[in-house]
Amino acid sequence: NKPMLIDFGATWCGWCKKLEKEVFPTSDFISVAQKFVCIKVDADARPDLTKKYRVNGYPTAVMLDSSGRELHRIVGYKPAADYVAELRKALPSG
């Protein structure tokens, strides 16, 4: 019964690599990410999911509630503090 965080990226995406290197390892991100079921999607390998969730650029994070309804999305790279603040918007507690 957790919300989902689906991270869409591609192996050739420089901003995706920057996000993985500079944002995902931070303690703030890890703390908030534990409140989600986190799923990483290689957009080139799963064009069906990219289309289903209307992803047009990378990186894109789509947050869904436990029933699959979209709560929020983050398009593009953001520094860690901004990214974590965006993730918190998808959580019931804010």
PDB file of N, CA and C in Angstrom:
ATOM      1  N   ASN A   1       0.816  -1.211   0.000  1.00  0.00           N
ATOM      2  CA  ASN A   1       0.000   0.000   0.000  1.00  0.00           C
ATOM      3  C   ASN A   1       0.853   1.264   0.000  1.00  0.00           C
ATOM      4  N   LYS A   2       2.001   1.213  -0.644  1.00  0.00           N
ATOM      5  CA  LYS A   2       2.874   2.387  -0.758  1.00  0.00           C
ATOM      6  C   LYS A   2       2.674   3.038  -2.115  1.00  0.00           C
ATOM      7  N   PRO A   3       2.951   4.340  -2.204  1.00  0.00           N
ATOM      8  CA  PRO A   3       2.966   4.958  -3.531  1.00  0.00           C
ATOM      9  C   PRO A   3       4.177   4.449  -4.312  1.00  0.00           C
ATOM     10  N   MET A   4       4.131   4.603  -5.623  1.00  0.00           N
ATOM     11  CA  MET A   4       5.226   4.158  -6.490  1.00  0.00           C
ATOM     12  C   MET A   4       5.968   5.355  -7.050  1.00  0.00           C
ATOM     13  N   LEU A   5       7.254   5.176  -7.232  1.00  0.00           N
ATOM     14  CA  LEU A   5       8.111   6.160  -7.890  1.00  0.00           C
ATOM     15  C   LEU A   5       8.720   5.444  -9.083  1.00  0.00           C
ATOM     16  N   ILE A   6       8.315   5.851 -10.279  1.00  0.00           N
ATOM     17  CA  ILE A   6       8.847   5.237 -11.488  1.00  0.00           C
ATOM     18  C   ILE A   6       9.816   6.226 -12.122  1.00  0.00           C
ATOM     19  N   ASP A   7      11.082   5.828 -12.203  1.00  0.00           N
ATOM     20  CA  ASP A   7      12.136   6.663 -12.765  1.00  0.00           C
ATOM     21  C   ASP A   7      12.389   6.220 -14.198  1.00  0.00           C
ATOM     22  N   PHE A   8      12.032   7.068 -15.163  1.00  0.00           N
ATOM     23  CA  PHE A   8      12.266   6.775 -16.577  1.00  0.00           C
ATOM     24  C   PHE A   8      13.563   7.437 -17.012  1.00  0.00           C
ATOM     25  N   GLY A   9      14.425   6.648 -17.614  1.00  0.00           N
ATOM     26  CA  GLY A   9      15.688   7.178 -18.102  1.00  0.00           C
ATOM     27  C   GLY A   9      16.178   6.349 -19.272  1.00  0.00           C
ATOM     28  N   ALA A  10      17.377   6.664 -19.731  1.00  0.00           N
ATOM     29  CA  ALA A  10      17.991   5.928 -20.838  1.00  0.00           C
ATOM     30  C   ALA A  10      19.496   5.900 -20.614  1.00  0.00           C
ATOM     31  N   THR A  11      20.125   4.865 -21.109  1.00  0.00           N
ATOM     32  CA  THR A  11      21.561   4.708 -20.896  1.00  0.00           C
ATOM     33  C   THR A  11      22.372   5.832 -21.529  1.00  0.00           C
ATOM     34  N   TRP A  12      21.861   6.448 -22.577  1.00  0.00           N
ATOM     35  CA  TRP A  12      22.569   7.505 -23.293  1.00  0.00           C
ATOM     36  C   TRP A  12      22.273   8.902 -22.724  1.00  0.00           C
ATOM     37  N   CYS A  13      21.420   8.985 -21.716  1.00  0.00           N
ATOM     38  CA  CYS A  13      20.957  10.276 -21.178  1.00  0.00           C
ATOM     39  C   CYS A  13      21.935  10.822 -20.129  1.00  0.00           C
ATOM     40  N   GLY A  14      22.604  11.902 -20.463  1.00  0.00           N
ATOM     41  CA  GLY A  14      23.560  12.514 -19.547  1.00  0.00           C
ATOM     42  C   GLY A  14      22.925  13.038 -18.271  1.00  0.00           C
ATOM     43  N   TRP A  15      21.746  13.653 -18.380  1.00  0.00           N
ATOM     44  CA  TRP A  15      21.064  14.176 -17.194  1.00  0.00           C
ATOM     45  C   TRP A  15      20.610  13.045 -16.278  1.00  0.00           C
ATOM     46  N   CYS A  16      20.265  11.894 -16.865  1.00  0.00           N
ATOM     47  CA  CYS A  16      19.883  10.719 -16.066  1.00  0.00           C
ATOM     48  C   CYS A  16      21.080  10.244 -15.246  1.00  0.00           C
ATOM     49  N   LYS A  17      22.241  10.207 -15.876  1.00  0.00           N
ATOM     50  CA  LYS A  17      23.460   9.782 -15.185  1.00  0.00           C
ATOM     51  C   LYS A  17      23.807  10.751 -14.060  1.00  0.00           C
ATOM     52  N   LYS A  18      23.620  12.041 -14.318  1.00  0.00           N
ATOM     53  CA  LYS A  18      23.890  13.067 -13.298  1.00  0.00           C
ATOM     54  C   LYS A  18      22.941  12.878 -12.106  1.00  0.00           C
ATOM     55  N   LEU A  19      21.676  12.602 -12.386  1.00  0.00           N
ATOM     56  CA  LEU A  19      20.683  12.356 -11.336  1.00  0.00           C
ATOM     57  C   LEU A  19      21.094  11.146 -10.493  1.00  0.00           C
ATOM     58  N   GLU A  20      21.494  10.061 -11.157  1.00  0.00           N
ATOM     59  CA  GLU A  20      21.901   8.849 -10.446  1.00  0.00           C
ATOM     60  C   GLU A  20      23.148   9.076  -9.596  1.00  0.00           C
ATOM     61  N   LYS A  21      24.050   9.907 -10.079  1.00  0.00           N
ATOM     62  CA  LYS A  21      25.315  10.132  -9.383  1.00  0.00           C
ATOM     63  C   LYS A  21      25.195  11.150  -8.256  1.00  0.00           C
ATOM     64  N   GLU A  22      24.418  12.224  -8.485  1.00  0.00           N
ATOM     65  CA  GLU A  22      24.405  13.340  -7.547  1.00  0.00           C
ATOM     66  C   GLU A  22      23.180  13.414  -6.639  1.00  0.00           C
ATOM     67  N   VAL A  23      22.070  12.803  -7.027  1.00  0.00           N
ATOM     68  CA  VAL A  23      20.833  12.923  -6.246  1.00  0.00           C
ATOM     69  C   VAL A  23      20.497  11.628  -5.511  1.00  0.00           C
ATOM     70  N   PHE A  24      20.462  10.521  -6.241  1.00  0.00           N
ATOM     71  CA  PHE A  24      20.013   9.256  -5.656  1.00  0.00           C
ATOM     72  C   PHE A  24      20.843   8.792  -4.459  1.00  0.00           C
ATOM     73  N   PRO A  25      22.164   9.042  -4.406  1.00  0.00           N
ATOM     74  CA  PRO A  25      22.932   8.573  -3.240  1.00  0.00           C
ATOM     75  C   PRO A  25      22.788   9.440  -1.989  1.00  0.00           C
ATOM     76  N   THR A  26      22.120  10.596  -2.077  1.00  0.00           N
ATOM     77  CA  THR A  26      22.050  11.482  -0.917  1.00  0.00           C
ATOM     78  C   THR A  26      21.134  10.911   0.162  1.00  0.00           C
ATOM     79  N   SER A  27      21.454  11.228   1.407  1.00  0.00           N
ATOM     80  CA  SER A  27      20.661  10.702   2.519  1.00  0.00           C
ATOM     81  C   SER A  27      19.227  11.223   2.479  1.00  0.00           C
ATOM     82  N   ASP A  28      19.025  12.466   2.051  1.00  0.00           N
ATOM     83  CA  ASP A  28      17.666  13.014   1.958  1.00  0.00           C
ATOM     84  C   ASP A  28      16.835  12.233   0.933  1.00  0.00           C
ATOM     85  N   PHE A  29      17.430  11.953  -0.227  1.00  0.00           N
ATOM     86  CA  PHE A  29      16.704  11.192  -1.243  1.00  0.00           C
ATOM     87  C   PHE A  29      16.383   9.800  -0.720  1.00  0.00           C
ATOM     88  N   ILE A  30      17.368   9.123  -0.150  1.00  0.00           N
ATOM     89  CA  ILE A  30      17.173   7.759   0.340  1.00  0.00           C
ATOM     90  C   ILE A  30      16.059   7.714   1.382  1.00  0.00           C
ATOM     91  N   SER A  31      16.047   8.698   2.266  1.00  0.00           N
ATOM     92  CA  SER A  31      15.030   8.764   3.315  1.00  0.00           C
ATOM     93  C   SER A  31      13.624   8.872   2.726  1.00  0.00           C
ATOM     94  N   VAL A  32      13.446   9.729   1.741  1.00  0.00           N
ATOM     95  CA  VAL A  32      12.125   9.915   1.129  1.00  0.00           C
ATOM     96  C   VAL A  32      11.791   8.734   0.215  1.00  0.00           C
ATOM     97  N   ALA A  33      12.772   8.230  -0.509  1.00  0.00           N
ATOM     98  CA  ALA A  33      12.528   7.133  -1.451  1.00  0.00           C
ATOM     99  C   ALA A  33      12.040   5.876  -0.748  1.00  0.00           C
ATOM    100  N   GLN A  34      12.407   5.697   0.513  1.00  0.00           N
ATOM    101  CA  GLN A  34      11.962   4.521   1.261  1.00  0.00           C
ATOM    102  C   GLN A  34      10.451   4.518   1.480  1.00  0.00           C
ATOM    103  N   LYS A  35       9.811   5.644   1.279  1.00  0.00           N
ATOM    104  CA  LYS A  35       8.360   5.735   1.430  1.00  0.00           C
ATOM    105  C   LYS A  35       7.628   5.325   0.152  1.00  0.00           C
ATOM    106  N   PHE A  36       8.400   5.030  -0.902  1.00  0.00           N
ATOM    107  CA  PHE A  36       7.856   4.631  -2.203  1.00  0.00           C
ATOM    108  C   PHE A  36       8.319   3.216  -2.552  1.00  0.00           C
ATOM    109  N   VAL A  37       7.571   2.580  -3.439  1.00  0.00           N
ATOM    110  CA  VAL A  37       8.082   1.416  -4.148  1.00  0.00           C
ATOM    111  C   VAL A  37       8.774   2.011  -5.368  1.00  0.00           C
ATOM    112  N   CYS A  38      10.089   1.856  -5.448  1.00  0.00           N
ATOM    113  CA  CYS A  38      10.864   2.500  -6.514  1.00  0.00           C
ATOM    114  C   CYS A  38      11.099   1.535  -7.672  1.00  0.00           C
ATOM    115  N   ILE A  39      10.835   2.043  -8.862  1.00  0.00           N
ATOM    116  CA  ILE A  39      10.978   1.253 -10.083  1.00  0.00           C
ATOM    117  C   ILE A  39      11.787   2.074 -11.074  1.00  0.00           C
ATOM    118  N   LYS A  40      12.807   1.457 -11.637  1.00  0.00           N
ATOM    119  CA  LYS A  40      13.623   2.123 -12.650  1.00  0.00           C
ATOM    120  C   LYS A  40      13.269   1.521 -14.002  1.00  0.00           C
ATOM    121  N   VAL A  41      12.990   2.390 -14.977  1.00  0.00           N
ATOM    122  CA  VAL A  41      12.599   1.930 -16.309  1.00  0.00           C
ATOM    123  C   VAL A  41      13.585   2.468 -17.334  1.00  0.00           C
ATOM    124  N   ASP A  42      14.188   1.549 -18.096  1.00  0.00           N
ATOM    125  CA  ASP A  42      15.011   1.932 -19.245  1.00  0.00           C
ATOM    126  C   ASP A  42      14.029   2.188 -20.385  1.00  0.00           C
ATOM    127  N   ALA A  43      13.891   3.442 -20.750  1.00  0.00           N
ATOM    128  CA  ALA A  43      12.878   3.839 -21.729  1.00  0.00           C
ATOM    129  C   ALA A  43      13.091   3.171 -23.087  1.00  0.00           C
ATOM    130  N   ASP A  44      14.344   2.911 -23.448  1.00  0.00           N
ATOM    131  CA  ASP A  44      14.603   2.259 -24.736  1.00  0.00           C
ATOM    132  C   ASP A  44      14.162   0.801 -24.712  1.00  0.00           C
ATOM    133  N   ALA A  45      14.269   0.166 -23.552  1.00  0.00           N
ATOM    134  CA  ALA A  45      13.875  -1.236 -23.424  1.00  0.00           C
ATOM    135  C   ALA A  45      12.370  -1.398 -23.234  1.00  0.00           C
ATOM    136  N   ARG A  46      11.703  -0.367 -22.723  1.00  0.00           N
ATOM    137  CA  ARG A  46      10.269  -0.452 -22.424  1.00  0.00           C
ATOM    138  C   ARG A  46       9.485   0.726 -23.014  1.00  0.00           C
ATOM    139  N   PRO A  47       9.463   0.834 -24.342  1.00  0.00           N
ATOM    140  CA  PRO A  47       8.699   1.930 -24.954  1.00  0.00           C
ATOM    141  C   PRO A  47       7.206   1.858 -24.632  1.00  0.00           C
ATOM    142  N   ASP A  48       6.709   0.658 -24.301  1.00  0.00           N
ATOM    143  CA  ASP A  48       5.300   0.515 -23.939  1.00  0.00           C
ATOM    144  C   ASP A  48       4.985   1.302 -22.668  1.00  0.00           C
ATOM    145  N   LEU A  49       5.878   1.206 -21.665  1.00  0.00           N
ATOM    146  CA  LEU A  49       5.656   1.952 -20.423  1.00  0.00           C
ATOM    147  C   LEU A  49       5.863   3.449 -20.626  1.00  0.00           C
ATOM    148  N   THR A  50       6.835   3.796 -21.446  1.00  0.00           N
ATOM    149  CA  THR A  50       7.087   5.204 -21.744  1.00  0.00           C
ATOM    150  C   THR A  50       5.842   5.834 -22.367  1.00  0.00           C
ATOM    151  N   LYS A  51       5.213   5.108 -23.279  1.00  0.00           N
ATOM    152  CA  LYS A  51       3.993   5.601 -23.925  1.00  0.00           C
ATOM    153  C   LYS A  51       2.830   5.648 -22.929  1.00  0.00           C
ATOM    154  N   LYS A  52       2.674   4.577 -22.143  1.00  0.00           N
ATOM    155  CA  LYS A  52       1.562   4.486 -21.187  1.00  0.00           C
ATOM    156  C   LYS A  52       1.574   5.666 -20.207  1.00  0.00           C
ATOM    157  N   TYR A  53       2.774   6.049 -19.745  1.00  0.00           N
ATOM    158  CA  TYR A  53       2.883   7.126 -18.762  1.00  0.00           C
ATOM    159  C   TYR A  53       3.204   8.484 -19.388  1.00  0.00           C
ATOM    160  N   ARG A  54       3.082   8.565 -20.719  1.00  0.00           N
ATOM    161  CA  ARG A  54       3.235   9.823 -21.462  1.00  0.00           C
ATOM    162  C   ARG A  54       4.559  10.526 -21.132  1.00  0.00           C
ATOM    163  N   VAL A  55       5.642   9.776 -21.222  1.00  0.00           N
ATOM    164  CA  VAL A  55       6.966  10.323 -20.954  1.00  0.00           C
ATOM    165  C   VAL A  55       7.565  10.789 -22.274  1.00  0.00           C
ATOM    166  N   ASN A  56       7.942  12.061 -22.321  1.00  0.00           N
ATOM    167  CA  ASN A  56       8.461  12.643 -23.553  1.00  0.00           C
ATOM    168  C   ASN A  56       9.912  13.090 -23.458  1.00  0.00           C
ATOM    169  N   GLY A  57      10.485  13.052 -22.265  1.00  0.00           N
ATOM    170  CA  GLY A  57      11.869  13.459 -22.092  1.00  0.00           C
ATOM    171  C   GLY A  57      12.450  12.762 -20.876  1.00  0.00           C
ATOM    172  N   TYR A  58      13.760  12.827 -20.764  1.00  0.00           N
ATOM    173  CA  TYR A  58      14.442  12.115 -19.683  1.00  0.00           C
ATOM    174  C   TYR A  58      15.408  13.037 -18.955  1.00  0.00           C
ATOM    175  N   PRO A  59      15.566  12.830 -17.673  1.00  0.00           N
ATOM    176  CA  PRO A  59      14.836  11.880 -16.835  1.00  0.00           C
ATOM    177  C   PRO A  59      13.431  12.378 -16.518  1.00  0.00           C
ATOM    178  N   THR A  60      12.522  11.454 -16.313  1.00  0.00           N
ATOM    179  CA  THR A  60      11.174  11.768 -15.836  1.00  0.00           C
ATOM    180  C   THR A  60      10.838  10.789 -14.718  1.00  0.00           C
ATOM    181  N   ALA A  61      10.358  11.329 -13.612  1.00  0.00           N
ATOM    182  CA  ALA A  61       9.897  10.502 -12.500  1.00  0.00           C
ATOM    183  C   ALA A  61       8.392  10.683 -12.392  1.00  0.00           C
ATOM    184  N   VAL A  62       7.687   9.557 -12.350  1.00  0.00           N
ATOM    185  CA  VAL A  62       6.235   9.581 -12.215  1.00  0.00           C
ATOM    186  C   VAL A  62       5.891   8.933 -10.878  1.00  0.00           C
ATOM    187  N   MET A  63       5.146   9.652 -10.051  1.00  0.00           N
ATOM    188  CA  MET A  63       4.725   9.128  -8.765  1.00  0.00           C
ATOM    189  C   MET A  63       3.247   8.761  -8.840  1.00  0.00           C
ATOM    190  N   LEU A  64       2.943   7.533  -8.418  1.00  0.00           N
ATOM    191  CA  LEU A  64       1.579   7.018  -8.458  1.00  0.00           C
ATOM    192  C   LEU A  64       1.149   6.600  -7.062  1.00  0.00           C
ATOM    193  N   ASP A  65      -0.158   6.704  -6.794  1.00  0.00           N
ATOM    194  CA  ASP A  65      -0.634   6.169  -5.521  1.00  0.00           C
ATOM    195  C   ASP A  65      -0.730   4.654  -5.642  1.00  0.00           C
ATOM    196  N   SER A  66      -1.096   3.976  -4.572  1.00  0.00           N
ATOM    197  CA  SER A  66      -1.088   2.509  -4.568  1.00  0.00           C
ATOM    198  C   SER A  66      -2.098   1.906  -5.542  1.00  0.00           C
ATOM    199  N   SER A  67      -3.043   2.705  -6.022  1.00  0.00           N
ATOM    200  CA  SER A  67      -3.993   2.192  -7.015  1.00  0.00           C
ATOM    201  C   SER A  67      -3.603   2.561  -8.443  1.00  0.00           C
ATOM    202  N   GLY A  68      -2.457   3.250  -8.607  1.00  0.00           N
ATOM    203  CA  GLY A  68      -1.974   3.561  -9.947  1.00  0.00           C
ATOM    204  C   GLY A  68      -2.345   4.940 -10.466  1.00  0.00           C
ATOM    205  N   ARG A  69      -2.963   5.774  -9.641  1.00  0.00           N
ATOM    206  CA  ARG A  69      -3.343   7.125 -10.059  1.00  0.00           C
ATOM    207  C   ARG A  69      -2.135   8.049  -9.926  1.00  0.00           C
ATOM    208  N   GLU A  70      -1.892   8.848 -10.960  1.00  0.00           N
ATOM    209  CA  GLU A  70      -0.738   9.752 -10.918  1.00  0.00           C
ATOM    210  C   GLU A  70      -0.931  10.837  -9.867  1.00  0.00           C
ATOM    211  N   LEU A  71       0.092  10.991  -9.031  1.00  0.00           N
ATOM    212  CA  LEU A  71       0.086  11.999  -7.980  1.00  0.00           C
ATOM    213  C   LEU A  71       0.899  13.227  -8.367  1.00  0.00           C
ATOM    214  N   HIS A  72       2.022  12.984  -9.027  1.00  0.00           N
ATOM    215  CA  HIS A  72       2.964  14.068  -9.332  1.00  0.00           C
ATOM    216  C   HIS A  72       3.969  13.537 -10.335  1.00  0.00           C
ATOM    217  N   ARG A  73       4.673  14.445 -11.012  1.00  0.00           N
ATOM    218  CA  ARG A  73       5.772  14.033 -11.872  1.00  0.00           C
ATOM    219  C   ARG A  73       6.869  15.084 -11.858  1.00  0.00           C
ATOM    220  N   ILE A  74       8.077  14.614 -12.052  1.00  0.00           N
ATOM    221  CA  ILE A  74       9.246  15.490 -12.130  1.00  0.00           C
ATOM    222  C   ILE A  74       9.859  15.259 -13.507  1.00  0.00           C
ATOM    223  N   VAL A  75       9.945  16.319 -14.295  1.00  0.00           N
ATOM    224  CA  VAL A  75      10.526  16.207 -15.626  1.00  0.00           C
ATOM    225  C   VAL A  75      11.850  16.956 -15.633  1.00  0.00           C
ATOM    226  N   GLY A  76      12.901  16.247 -16.011  1.00  0.00           N
ATOM    227  CA  GLY A  76      14.220  16.851 -16.088  1.00  0.00           C
ATOM    228  C   GLY A  76      15.011  16.699 -14.800  1.00  0.00           C
ATOM    229  N   TYR A  77      16.244  17.166 -14.856  1.00  0.00           N
ATOM    230  CA  TYR A  77      17.149  17.097 -13.713  1.00  0.00           C
ATOM    231  C   TYR A  77      16.865  18.228 -12.745  1.00  0.00           C
ATOM    232  N   LYS A  78      16.935  17.936 -11.469  1.00  0.00           N
ATOM    233  CA  LYS A  78      16.868  18.945 -10.408  1.00  0.00           C
ATOM    234  C   LYS A  78      17.940  18.597  -9.391  1.00  0.00           C
ATOM    235  N   PRO A  79      18.544  19.600  -8.759  1.00  0.00           N
ATOM    236  CA  PRO A  79      19.493  19.307  -7.683  1.00  0.00           C
ATOM    237  C   PRO A  79      18.783  18.547  -6.555  1.00  0.00           C
ATOM    238  N   ALA A  80      19.558  17.879  -5.721  1.00  0.00           N
ATOM    239  CA  ALA A  80      19.008  16.973  -4.702  1.00  0.00           C
ATOM    240  C   ALA A  80      17.916  17.610  -3.847  1.00  0.00           C
ATOM    241  N   ALA A  81      18.155  18.795  -3.301  1.00  0.00           N
ATOM    242  CA  ALA A  81      17.164  19.416  -2.408  1.00  0.00           C
ATOM    243  C   ALA A  81      15.854  19.670  -3.141  1.00  0.00           C
ATOM    244  N   ASP A  82      15.927  20.145  -4.375  1.00  0.00           N
ATOM    245  CA  ASP A  82      14.724  20.417  -5.161  1.00  0.00           C
ATOM    246  C   ASP A  82      14.008  19.118  -5.539  1.00  0.00           C
ATOM    247  N   TYR A  83      14.776  18.097  -5.901  1.00  0.00           N
ATOM    248  CA  TYR A  83      14.204  16.809  -6.286  1.00  0.00           C
ATOM    249  C   TYR A  83      13.454  16.187  -5.111  1.00  0.00           C
ATOM    250  N   VAL A  84      14.087  16.210  -3.949  1.00  0.00           N
ATOM    251  CA  VAL A  84      13.458  15.644  -2.740  1.00  0.00           C
ATOM    252  C   VAL A  84      12.196  16.427  -2.375  1.00  0.00           C
ATOM    253  N   ALA A  85      12.241  17.739  -2.501  1.00  0.00           N
ATOM    254  CA  ALA A  85      11.052  18.566  -2.225  1.00  0.00           C
ATOM    255  C   ALA A  85       9.909  18.183  -3.163  1.00  0.00           C
ATOM    256  N   GLU A  86      10.227  17.913  -4.423  1.00  0.00           N
ATOM    257  CA  GLU A  86       9.197  17.490  -5.386  1.00  0.00           C
ATOM    258  C   GLU A  86       8.630  16.123  -5.005  1.00  0.00           C
ATOM    259  N   LEU A  87       9.497  15.206  -4.585  1.00  0.00           N
ATOM    260  CA  LEU A  87       9.012  13.882  -4.165  1.00  0.00           C
ATOM    261  C   LEU A  87       8.049  13.995  -2.994  1.00  0.00           C
ATOM    262  N   ARG A  88       8.372  14.865  -2.054  1.00  0.00           N
ATOM    263  CA  ARG A  88       7.523  15.025  -0.867  1.00  0.00           C
ATOM    264  C   ARG A  88       6.117  15.496  -1.240  1.00  0.00           C
ATOM    265  N   LYS A  89       5.982  16.216  -2.339  1.00  0.00           N
ATOM    266  CA  LYS A  89       4.662  16.695  -2.767  1.00  0.00           C
ATOM    267  C   LYS A  89       3.719  15.530  -3.080  1.00  0.00           C
ATOM    268  N   ALA A  90       4.287  14.377  -3.419  1.00  0.00           N
ATOM    269  CA  ALA A  90       3.467  13.222  -3.776  1.00  0.00           C
ATOM    270  C   ALA A  90       3.026  12.408  -2.554  1.00  0.00           C
ATOM    271  N   LEU A  91       3.636  12.686  -1.415  1.00  0.00           N
ATOM    272  CA  LEU A  91       3.316  11.920  -0.211  1.00  0.00           C
ATOM    273  C   LEU A  91       2.128  12.528   0.527  1.00  0.00           C
ATOM    274  N   PRO A  92       1.302  11.698   1.146  1.00  0.00           N
ATOM    275  CA  PRO A  92       0.117  12.195   1.857  1.00  0.00           C
ATOM    276  C   PRO A  92       0.464  13.235   2.936  1.00  0.00           C
ATOM    277  N   SER A  93       1.582  13.034   3.603  1.00  0.00           N
ATOM    278  CA  SER A  93       1.970  13.966   4.667  1.00  0.00           C
ATOM    279  C   SER A  93       2.590  15.241   4.118  1.00  0.00           C
ATOM    280  N   GLY A  94       2.891  15.247   2.794  1.00  0.00           N
ATOM    281  CA  GLY A  94       3.471  16.427   2.180  1.00  0.00           C
ATOM    282  C   GLY A  94       4.896  16.409   2.348  1.00  0.00           C
TER     283      GLY A  94
END
